[in-house]
Amino acid sequence: MPHIDPSMSIEDYHSRTTEVSKSGLDLIAQSAAKFYAWTFDPARLPRATKAGQLEGSLAHAAILEPHEFDKRYVVGPKVTTRATKEWKAFEETLSPGQIGIKPEQHATAMHQAESVRRISDVRDVLDSGRPEVSAFWKDADTAALCRCRPDWVHPYSESAVLLDVKTYSDASPAEFKRQIARKRYHVQAAFYSDGYEAAAQTEVRGFLFLAVETEWPYAASVVMLDEASIAAGRDLYKRDLSTYQRCIETGVWPGYGDGISIETLPAWAFKQIDEE
């Protein structure tokens, strides 16, 4: 069962429900019921497009797949809104699978790619490898079926370094590590590293976060977590996998609880009251 698939489309990857992904584990961490609602519930709603999702995809393509960028994205006329007749006429000229983007969106993505390429260590990693390699494995401790899809694998056939592109307002390492904690990116680093090793039967030497800013001058940095942070992420994903596998086996997907929860205010609230 453990294997990698470098040719699987992103649509096919995201449509799978046999295995759990890191984003699925994030839902499990909130409540198993949320995971069920978004994954298995026949009445589930389509996922809404998140703000900044297109811009993130543009940065990803410009940095990791520059030769594919112009095939997927076509620069449209300079307009104030996509509701104009000029933009709608432009959209009618697009081929199936192509996405129209504004000139400023194209410029931002190109600047982000240029900024990233100025980092010599990143340039070396991107000089060989391949993007979007889907990996599938069974977790040895929980027997849960898992999947991940690293943005970039370097090199492809030997011991690997994994890289993930993140766009954020502040890419400085000091601030981005806070974003790592908020978004559970340490869980991603551990889950992807362990999982890719199991799927590809090869050593993962490191997991790199490539952070690039969303505003001029589109500064970028590369961050790798230390062993203690990776271990903390591993503990969390193992906990979430245990919950997931238990729910799979029992068919019970608990929410926040059926009873009344008695809570106390957070410490900062009491401190604020005392200071007033």
C-alpha atoms as a PDB file:
ATOM      1  CA  MET A   1       0.000   0.000   0.000  1.00  0.00           C
ATOM      2  CA  PRO A   2       2.745   2.596   0.751  1.00  0.00           C
ATOM      3  CA  HIS A   3       3.572   4.413  -2.474  1.00  0.00           C
ATOM      4  CA  ILE A   4       4.120   7.772  -4.126  1.00  0.00           C
ATOM      5  CA  ASP A   5       2.354   9.104  -7.203  1.00  0.00           C
ATOM      6  CA  PRO A   6       4.072  12.038  -8.940  1.00  0.00           C
ATOM      7  CA  SER A   7       1.414  12.300 -11.648  1.00  0.00           C
ATOM      8  CA  MET A   8      -1.835  12.436  -9.641  1.00  0.00           C
ATOM      9  CA  SER A   9      -3.825  15.596 -10.298  1.00  0.00           C
ATOM     10  CA  ILE A  10      -4.621  17.951  -7.451  1.00  0.00           C
ATOM     11  CA  GLU A  11      -8.341  17.368  -8.058  1.00  0.00           C
ATOM     12  CA  ASP A  12      -7.983  13.590  -7.734  1.00  0.00           C
ATOM     13  CA  TYR A  13      -5.841  13.992  -4.629  1.00  0.00           C
ATOM     14  CA  HIS A  14      -8.328  16.205  -2.813  1.00  0.00           C
ATOM     15  CA  SER A  15     -11.292  14.049  -3.795  1.00  0.00           C
ATOM     16  CA  ARG A  16      -9.963  11.038  -1.905  1.00  0.00           C
ATOM     17  CA  THR A  17     -11.645  10.063   1.368  1.00  0.00           C
ATOM     18  CA  THR A  18      -9.920   6.713   1.999  1.00  0.00           C
ATOM     19  CA  GLU A  19      -6.955   8.393   3.684  1.00  0.00           C
ATOM     20  CA  VAL A  20      -6.655  11.297   6.098  1.00  0.00           C
ATOM     21  CA  SER A  21      -4.532  14.358   5.297  1.00  0.00           C
ATOM     22  CA  LYS A  22      -3.000  17.028   7.497  1.00  0.00           C
ATOM     23  CA  SER A  23      -5.917  19.375   6.853  1.00  0.00           C
ATOM     24  CA  GLY A  24      -8.199  16.538   7.950  1.00  0.00           C
ATOM     25  CA  LEU A  25      -6.210  16.166  11.143  1.00  0.00           C
ATOM     26  CA  ASP A  26      -6.661  19.885  11.780  1.00  0.00           C
ATOM     27  CA  LEU A  27     -10.426  19.314  11.703  1.00  0.00           C
ATOM     28  CA  ILE A  28     -10.099  16.242  13.931  1.00  0.00           C
ATOM     29  CA  ALA A  29      -8.191  18.399  16.429  1.00  0.00           C
ATOM     30  CA  GLN A  30     -11.226  20.710  16.602  1.00  0.00           C
ATOM     31  CA  SER A  31     -13.809  17.932  16.705  1.00  0.00           C
ATOM     32  CA  ALA A  32     -14.312  14.607  14.994  1.00  0.00           C
ATOM     33  CA  ALA A  33     -17.826  15.727  14.075  1.00  0.00           C
ATOM     34  CA  LYS A  34     -16.400  18.575  11.982  1.00  0.00           C
ATOM     35  CA  PHE A  35     -14.198  16.151  10.075  1.00  0.00           C
ATOM     36  CA  TYR A  36     -17.172  13.899   9.396  1.00  0.00           C
ATOM     37  CA  ALA A  37     -19.297  16.848   8.282  1.00  0.00           C
ATOM     38  CA  TRP A  38     -16.725  18.025   5.738  1.00  0.00           C
ATOM     39  CA  THR A  39     -15.647  14.570   4.543  1.00  0.00           C
ATOM     40  CA  PHE A  40     -18.407  11.969   4.779  1.00  0.00           C
ATOM     41  CA  ASP A  41     -21.710  13.764   5.375  1.00  0.00           C
ATOM     42  CA  PRO A  42     -23.875  13.307   2.234  1.00  0.00           C
ATOM     43  CA  ALA A  43     -25.452  16.708   2.902  1.00  0.00           C
ATOM     44  CA  ARG A  44     -22.119  18.547   3.133  1.00  0.00           C
ATOM     45  CA  LEU A  45     -21.871  21.926   1.453  1.00  0.00           C
ATOM     46  CA  PRO A  46     -19.247  22.768  -1.170  1.00  0.00           C
ATOM     47  CA  ARG A  47     -16.180  24.398   0.318  1.00  0.00           C
ATOM     48  CA  ALA A  48     -16.033  28.148  -0.103  1.00  0.00           C
ATOM     49  CA  THR A  49     -12.993  29.687  -1.765  1.00  0.00           C
ATOM     50  CA  LYS A  50     -10.835  31.284   0.920  1.00  0.00           C
ATOM     51  CA  ALA A  51      -9.562  34.836   0.650  1.00  0.00           C
ATOM     52  CA  GLY A  52      -6.083  34.842  -0.846  1.00  0.00           C
ATOM     53  CA  GLN A  53      -6.387  31.287  -2.166  1.00  0.00           C
ATOM     54  CA  LEU A  54      -5.774  32.294  -5.790  1.00  0.00           C
ATOM     55  CA  GLU A  55      -2.831  34.477  -4.826  1.00  0.00           C
ATOM     56  CA  GLY A  56      -1.302  31.557  -2.940  1.00  0.00           C
ATOM     57  CA  SER A  57      -1.727  29.324  -5.984  1.00  0.00           C
ATOM     58  CA  LEU A  58      -0.104  31.964  -8.186  1.00  0.00           C
ATOM     59  CA  ALA A  59       2.916  32.221  -5.888  1.00  0.00           C
ATOM     60  CA  HIS A  60       3.163  28.439  -5.766  1.00  0.00           C
ATOM     61  CA  ALA A  61       3.132  28.135  -9.560  1.00  0.00           C
ATOM     62  CA  ALA A  62       5.550  31.012 -10.162  1.00  0.00           C
ATOM     63  CA  ILE A  63       8.056  29.623  -7.657  1.00  0.00           C
ATOM     64  CA  LEU A  64       7.799  25.880  -8.237  1.00  0.00           C
ATOM     65  CA  GLU A  65       6.427  25.498 -11.769  1.00  0.00           C
ATOM     66  CA  PRO A  66       7.391  28.639 -13.724  1.00  0.00           C
ATOM     67  CA  HIS A  67       7.288  26.732 -17.030  1.00  0.00           C
ATOM     68  CA  GLU A  68       3.609  25.916 -16.377  1.00  0.00           C
ATOM     69  CA  PHE A  69       2.529  29.348 -15.166  1.00  0.00           C
ATOM     70  CA  ASP A  70       1.510  30.858 -18.504  1.00  0.00           C
ATOM     71  CA  LYS A  71      -0.303  27.671 -19.493  1.00  0.00           C
ATOM     72  CA  ARG A  72      -2.606  27.882 -16.466  1.00  0.00           C
ATOM     73  CA  TYR A  73      -2.917  31.621 -15.926  1.00  0.00           C
ATOM     74  CA  VAL A  74      -3.650  34.247 -18.562  1.00  0.00           C
ATOM     75  CA  VAL A  75      -3.215  37.951 -17.862  1.00  0.00           C
ATOM     76  CA  GLY A  76      -6.349  39.918 -18.609  1.00  0.00           C
ATOM     77  CA  PRO A  77      -7.005  43.611 -19.224  1.00  0.00           C
ATOM     78  CA  LYS A  78      -6.410  46.202 -16.534  1.00  0.00           C
ATOM     79  CA  VAL A  79      -9.857  46.752 -15.036  1.00  0.00           C
ATOM     80  CA  THR A  80     -11.189  47.896 -11.685  1.00  0.00           C
ATOM     81  CA  THR A  81     -13.519  44.916 -11.324  1.00  0.00           C
ATOM     82  CA  ARG A  82     -14.073  41.552 -12.995  1.00  0.00           C
ATOM     83  CA  ALA A  83     -17.714  42.534 -13.500  1.00  0.00           C
ATOM     84  CA  THR A  84     -16.844  44.796 -16.448  1.00  0.00           C
ATOM     85  CA  LYS A  85     -17.814  43.868 -20.007  1.00  0.00           C
ATOM     86  CA  GLU A  86     -14.147  44.009 -20.985  1.00  0.00           C
ATOM     87  CA  TRP A  87     -13.206  41.358 -18.424  1.00  0.00           C
ATOM     88  CA  LYS A  88     -16.153  39.140 -19.265  1.00  0.00           C
ATOM     89  CA  ALA A  89     -15.214  39.291 -22.951  1.00  0.00           C
ATOM     90  CA  PHE A  90     -11.655  38.325 -22.020  1.00  0.00           C
ATOM     91  CA  GLU A  91     -12.866  35.353 -19.967  1.00  0.00           C
ATOM     92  CA  GLU A  92     -14.746  34.032 -22.986  1.00  0.00           C
ATOM     93  CA  THR A  93     -11.417  33.673 -24.810  1.00  0.00           C
ATOM     94  CA  LEU A  94      -9.917  31.397 -22.147  1.00  0.00           C
ATOM     95  CA  SER A  95      -9.395  27.726 -22.905  1.00  0.00           C
ATOM     96  CA  PRO A  96     -10.748  25.045 -20.542  1.00  0.00           C
ATOM     97  CA  GLY A  97      -8.585  24.872 -17.427  1.00  0.00           C
ATOM     98  CA  GLN A  98      -7.156  28.364 -17.855  1.00  0.00           C
ATOM     99  CA  ILE A  99      -7.706  31.050 -15.222  1.00  0.00           C
ATOM    100  CA  GLY A 100      -7.764  34.751 -15.944  1.00  0.00           C
ATOM    101  CA  ILE A 101      -5.721  36.956 -13.616  1.00  0.00           C
ATOM    102  CA  LYS A 102      -5.242  40.692 -13.292  1.00  0.00           C
ATOM    103  CA  PRO A 103      -1.933  42.293 -14.357  1.00  0.00           C
ATOM    104  CA  GLU A 104      -1.121  43.200 -10.762  1.00  0.00           C
ATOM    105  CA  GLN A 105      -1.645  39.587  -9.650  1.00  0.00           C
ATOM    106  CA  HIS A 106       0.817  38.433 -12.296  1.00  0.00           C
ATOM    107  CA  ALA A 107       3.339  41.078 -11.236  1.00  0.00           C
ATOM    108  CA  THR A 108       3.067  40.058  -7.577  1.00  0.00           C
ATOM    109  CA  ALA A 109       3.665  36.383  -8.349  1.00  0.00           C
ATOM    110  CA  MET A 110       6.714  37.200 -10.491  1.00  0.00           C
ATOM    111  CA  HIS A 111       8.178  39.428  -7.774  1.00  0.00           C
ATOM    112  CA  GLN A 112       7.625  36.683  -5.189  1.00  0.00           C
ATOM    113  CA  ALA A 113       9.424  34.146  -7.373  1.00  0.00           C
ATOM    114  CA  GLU A 114      12.333  36.549  -7.910  1.00  0.00           C
ATOM    115  CA  SER A 115      12.598  37.186  -4.177  1.00  0.00           C
ATOM    116  CA  VAL A 116      12.686  33.469  -3.429  1.00  0.00           C
ATOM    117  CA  ARG A 117      15.346  32.770  -6.056  1.00  0.00           C
ATOM    118  CA  ARG A 118      17.666  35.264  -4.374  1.00  0.00           C
ATOM    119  CA  ILE A 119      18.036  32.852  -1.430  1.00  0.00           C
ATOM    120  CA  SER A 120      20.943  30.620  -2.482  1.00  0.00           C
ATOM    121  CA  ASP A 121      19.921  27.611  -0.368  1.00  0.00           C
ATOM    122  CA  VAL A 122      16.417  27.665  -1.834  1.00  0.00           C
ATOM    123  CA  ARG A 123      17.762  28.092  -5.352  1.00  0.00           C
ATOM    124  CA  ASP A 124      19.861  24.952  -4.905  1.00  0.00           C
ATOM    125  CA  VAL A 125      16.852  22.958  -3.645  1.00  0.00           C
ATOM    126  CA  LEU A 126      14.658  24.088  -6.544  1.00  0.00           C
ATOM    127  CA  ASP A 127      17.310  23.330  -9.163  1.00  0.00           C
ATOM    128  CA  SER A 128      16.422  19.624  -8.985  1.00  0.00           C
ATOM    129  CA  GLY A 129      13.340  17.755  -7.882  1.00  0.00           C
ATOM    130  CA  ARG A 130       9.671  17.859  -8.713  1.00  0.00           C
ATOM    131  CA  PRO A 131       6.473  19.471  -7.410  1.00  0.00           C
ATOM    132  CA  GLU A 132       3.292  17.995  -5.998  1.00  0.00           C
ATOM    133  CA  VAL A 133       4.241  14.374  -5.291  1.00  0.00           C
ATOM    134  CA  SER A 134       1.307  12.563  -3.665  1.00  0.00           C
ATOM    135  CA  ALA A 135       2.306  10.072  -0.955  1.00  0.00           C
ATOM    136  CA  PHE A 136       0.202   7.326   0.660  1.00  0.00           C
ATOM    137  CA  TRP A 137       0.981   5.119   3.662  1.00  0.00           C
ATOM    138  CA  LYS A 138      -0.403   3.346   6.726  1.00  0.00           C
ATOM    139  CA  ASP A 139       0.622   4.751  10.096  1.00  0.00           C
ATOM    140  CA  ALA A 140       2.499   2.044  11.987  1.00  0.00           C
ATOM    141  CA  ASP A 141       1.150   2.999  15.426  1.00  0.00           C
ATOM    142  CA  THR A 142      -2.544   3.512  14.674  1.00  0.00           C
ATOM    143  CA  ALA A 143      -3.067   1.617  11.379  1.00  0.00           C
ATOM    144  CA  ALA A 144      -4.681   4.786   9.993  1.00  0.00           C
ATOM    145  CA  LEU A 145      -4.432   5.293   6.232  1.00  0.00           C
ATOM    146  CA  CYS A 146      -2.746   8.618   5.485  1.00  0.00           C
ATOM    147  CA  ARG A 147      -1.792  10.885   2.615  1.00  0.00           C
ATOM    148  CA  CYS A 148       0.250  14.017   2.002  1.00  0.00           C
ATOM    149  CA  ARG A 149       1.362  16.069  -0.996  1.00  0.00           C
ATOM    150  CA  PRO A 150       4.603  18.019  -0.507  1.00  0.00           C
ATOM    151  CA  ASP A 151       4.891  21.166  -2.609  1.00  0.00           C
ATOM    152  CA  TRP A 152       8.421  20.154  -3.659  1.00  0.00           C
ATOM    153  CA  VAL A 153      10.584  17.055  -3.241  1.00  0.00           C
ATOM    154  CA  HIS A 154      14.362  17.404  -3.697  1.00  0.00           C
ATOM    155  CA  PRO A 155      15.849  15.221  -5.031  1.00  0.00           C
ATOM    156  CA  TYR A 156      13.165  12.877  -6.247  1.00  0.00           C
ATOM    157  CA  SER A 157      14.782   9.423  -6.253  1.00  0.00           C
ATOM    158  CA  GLU A 158      17.274   9.623  -3.378  1.00  0.00           C
ATOM    159  CA  SER A 159      17.096  10.836   0.222  1.00  0.00           C
ATOM    160  CA  ALA A 160      14.708  13.744   0.138  1.00  0.00           C
ATOM    161  CA  VAL A 161      14.303  17.296   1.335  1.00  0.00           C
ATOM    162  CA  LEU A 162      10.680  18.475   1.381  1.00  0.00           C
ATOM    163  CA  LEU A 163       9.715  22.093   0.815  1.00  0.00           C
ATOM    164  CA  ASP A 164       6.417  23.885   1.357  1.00  0.00           C
ATOM    165  CA  VAL A 165       5.566  27.388   0.135  1.00  0.00           C
ATOM    166  CA  LYS A 166       3.672  29.681   2.505  1.00  0.00           C
ATOM    167  CA  THR A 167       2.523  33.222   1.743  1.00  0.00           C
ATOM    168  CA  TYR A 168       2.181  35.512   4.744  1.00  0.00           C
ATOM    169  CA  SER A 169       2.222  39.192   5.646  1.00  0.00           C
ATOM    170  CA  ASP A 170       5.503  38.869   7.600  1.00  0.00           C
ATOM    171  CA  ALA A 171       8.044  36.276   6.458  1.00  0.00           C
ATOM    172  CA  SER A 172      10.695  37.116   9.044  1.00  0.00           C
ATOM    173  CA  PRO A 173      11.710  33.932  10.899  1.00  0.00           C
ATOM    174  CA  ALA A 174      10.887  35.540  14.254  1.00  0.00           C
ATOM    175  CA  GLU A 175       7.283  36.203  13.205  1.00  0.00           C
ATOM    176  CA  PHE A 176       6.769  33.219  10.944  1.00  0.00           C
ATOM    177  CA  LYS A 177       7.483  30.796  13.778  1.00  0.00           C
ATOM    178  CA  ARG A 178       4.406  32.244  15.518  1.00  0.00           C
ATOM    179  CA  GLN A 179       2.401  31.534  12.381  1.00  0.00           C
ATOM    180  CA  ILE A 180       3.783  27.991  12.442  1.00  0.00           C
ATOM    181  CA  ALA A 181       2.374  27.507  15.930  1.00  0.00           C
ATOM    182  CA  ARG A 182      -0.983  29.134  15.066  1.00  0.00           C
ATOM    183  CA  LYS A 183      -1.506  27.087  11.899  1.00  0.00           C
ATOM    184  CA  ARG A 184      -0.043  23.814  13.250  1.00  0.00           C
ATOM    185  CA  TYR A 185       2.631  23.822  10.586  1.00  0.00           C
ATOM    186  CA  HIS A 186       4.864  21.858  12.982  1.00  0.00           C
ATOM    187  CA  VAL A 187       2.260  19.093  12.708  1.00  0.00           C
ATOM    188  CA  GLN A 188       2.584  19.301   8.928  1.00  0.00           C
ATOM    189  CA  ALA A 189       6.386  19.092   9.063  1.00  0.00           C
ATOM    190  CA  ALA A 190       6.319  15.946  11.207  1.00  0.00           C
ATOM    191  CA  PHE A 191       3.392  14.302   9.382  1.00  0.00           C
ATOM    192  CA  TYR A 192       4.862  14.938   5.924  1.00  0.00           C
ATOM    193  CA  SER A 193       8.397  13.908   6.898  1.00  0.00           C
ATOM    194  CA  ASP A 194       7.352  10.659   8.565  1.00  0.00           C
ATOM    195  CA  GLY A 195       4.765   9.925   5.905  1.00  0.00           C
ATOM    196  CA  TYR A 196       6.969  10.536   2.897  1.00  0.00           C
ATOM    197  CA  GLU A 197       9.656   8.333   4.416  1.00  0.00           C
ATOM    198  CA  ALA A 198       7.118   5.527   4.821  1.00  0.00           C
ATOM    199  CA  ALA A 199       5.578   6.018   1.371  1.00  0.00           C
ATOM    200  CA  ALA A 200       8.783   6.413  -0.644  1.00  0.00           C
ATOM    201  CA  GLN A 201      10.966   4.183   1.535  1.00  0.00           C
ATOM    202  CA  THR A 202      13.606   6.885   1.598  1.00  0.00           C
ATOM    203  CA  GLU A 203      15.098   9.139   4.262  1.00  0.00           C
ATOM    204  CA  VAL A 204      13.723  12.657   4.613  1.00  0.00           C
ATOM    205  CA  ARG A 205      16.629  14.854   5.654  1.00  0.00           C
ATOM    206  CA  GLY A 206      14.635  17.990   6.302  1.00  0.00           C
ATOM    207  CA  PHE A 207      11.364  19.875   5.869  1.00  0.00           C
ATOM    208  CA  LEU A 208      11.715  23.488   4.762  1.00  0.00           C
ATOM    209  CA  PHE A 209       9.125  26.243   4.990  1.00  0.00           C
ATOM    210  CA  LEU A 210       9.592  28.822   2.269  1.00  0.00           C
ATOM    211  CA  ALA A 211       7.822  31.928   3.550  1.00  0.00           C
ATOM    212  CA  VAL A 212       7.248  34.812   1.131  1.00  0.00           C
ATOM    213  CA  GLU A 213       5.423  38.033   1.857  1.00  0.00           C
ATOM    214  CA  THR A 214       2.273  39.206   0.110  1.00  0.00           C
ATOM    215  CA  GLU A 215       3.199  42.899  -0.112  1.00  0.00           C
ATOM    216  CA  TRP A 216       6.092  44.802  -1.672  1.00  0.00           C
ATOM    217  CA  PRO A 217       9.026  44.131  -1.510  1.00  0.00           C
ATOM    218  CA  TYR A 218       7.853  40.494  -1.169  1.00  0.00           C
ATOM    219  CA  ALA A 219      10.646  39.525   1.202  1.00  0.00           C
ATOM    220  CA  ALA A 220      11.244  35.813   1.702  1.00  0.00           C
ATOM    221  CA  SER A 221      12.909  33.501   4.193  1.00  0.00           C
ATOM    222  CA  VAL A 222      13.424  29.784   4.612  1.00  0.00           C
ATOM    223  CA  VAL A 223      12.705  28.194   8.000  1.00  0.00           C
ATOM    224  CA  MET A 224      13.402  24.697   9.304  1.00  0.00           C
ATOM    225  CA  LEU A 225      12.120  23.585  12.706  1.00  0.00           C
ATOM    226  CA  ASP A 226      14.395  22.070  15.325  1.00  0.00           C
ATOM    227  CA  GLU A 227      14.011  18.511  16.602  1.00  0.00           C
ATOM    228  CA  ALA A 228      11.981  19.524  19.667  1.00  0.00           C
ATOM    229  CA  SER A 229       9.415  21.325  17.497  1.00  0.00           C
ATOM    230  CA  ILE A 230       9.163  18.392  15.085  1.00  0.00           C
ATOM    231  CA  ALA A 231       8.684  16.040  18.046  1.00  0.00           C
ATOM    232  CA  ALA A 232       5.882  18.268  19.367  1.00  0.00           C
ATOM    233  CA  GLY A 233       4.206  18.154  15.955  1.00  0.00           C
ATOM    234  CA  ARG A 234       4.585  14.379  15.873  1.00  0.00           C
ATOM    235  CA  ASP A 235       2.900  14.002  19.259  1.00  0.00           C
ATOM    236  CA  LEU A 236      -0.054  16.042  18.021  1.00  0.00           C
ATOM    237  CA  TYR A 237      -0.538  14.196  14.752  1.00  0.00           C
ATOM    238  CA  LYS A 238      -0.274  10.825  16.514  1.00  0.00           C
ATOM    239  CA  ARG A 239      -2.963  11.956  18.951  1.00  0.00           C
ATOM    240  CA  ASP A 240      -5.205  13.103  16.105  1.00  0.00           C
ATOM    241  CA  LEU A 241      -4.613   9.885  14.146  1.00  0.00           C
ATOM    242  CA  SER A 242      -5.641   7.852  17.189  1.00  0.00           C
ATOM    243  CA  THR A 243      -8.891   9.816  17.395  1.00  0.00           C
ATOM    244  CA  TYR A 244      -9.476   9.449  13.663  1.00  0.00           C
ATOM    245  CA  GLN A 245      -8.867   5.697  13.614  1.00  0.00           C
ATOM    246  CA  ARG A 246     -11.118   5.158  16.636  1.00  0.00           C
ATOM    247  CA  CYS A 247     -13.910   7.031  14.862  1.00  0.00           C
ATOM    248  CA  ILE A 248     -13.378   5.039  11.666  1.00  0.00           C
ATOM    249  CA  GLU A 249     -13.619   1.769  13.574  1.00  0.00           C
ATOM    250  CA  THR A 250     -16.629   2.704  15.734  1.00  0.00           C
ATOM    251  CA  GLY A 251     -18.529   4.935  13.314  1.00  0.00           C
ATOM    252  CA  VAL A 252     -18.953   7.470  16.123  1.00  0.00           C
ATOM    253  CA  TRP A 253     -17.777  11.025  15.409  1.00  0.00           C
ATOM    254  CA  PRO A 254     -18.178  13.085  18.613  1.00  0.00           C
ATOM    255  CA  GLY A 255     -18.556  16.846  18.614  1.00  0.00           C
ATOM    256  CA  TYR A 256     -17.925  19.315  21.412  1.00  0.00           C
ATOM    257  CA  GLY A 257     -19.939  17.284  23.914  1.00  0.00           C
ATOM    258  CA  ASP A 258     -23.587  16.714  24.789  1.00  0.00           C
ATOM    259  CA  GLY A 259     -23.593  18.268  28.251  1.00  0.00           C
ATOM    260  CA  ILE A 260     -23.131  21.732  29.708  1.00  0.00           C
ATOM    261  CA  SER A 261     -19.507  22.834  29.865  1.00  0.00           C
ATOM    262  CA  ILE A 262     -18.584  24.970  32.885  1.00  0.00           C
ATOM    263  CA  GLU A 263     -15.705  27.250  31.906  1.00  0.00           C
ATOM    264  CA  THR A 264     -13.631  29.982  33.513  1.00  0.00           C
ATOM    265  CA  LEU A 265     -12.393  33.104  31.779  1.00  0.00           C
ATOM    266  CA  PRO A 266      -8.844  33.027  30.434  1.00  0.00           C
ATOM    267  CA  ALA A 267      -6.160  34.482  32.695  1.00  0.00           C
ATOM    268  CA  TRP A 268      -5.715  37.587  30.530  1.00  0.00           C
ATOM    269  CA  ALA A 269      -9.383  38.518  31.030  1.00  0.00           C
ATOM    270  CA  PHE A 270      -9.058  38.454  34.830  1.00  0.00           C
ATOM    271  CA  LYS A 271      -5.854  40.472  34.569  1.00  0.00           C
ATOM    272  CA  GLN A 272      -7.611  43.051  32.408  1.00  0.00           C
ATOM    273  CA  ILE A 273     -10.459  43.334  34.935  1.00  0.00           C
ATOM    274  CA  ASP A 274      -8.001  43.825  37.805  1.00  0.00           C
ATOM    275  CA  GLU A 275      -6.230  46.607  35.934  1.00  0.00           C
ATOM    276  CA  GLU A 276      -9.414  48.592  35.249  1.00  0.00           C
END
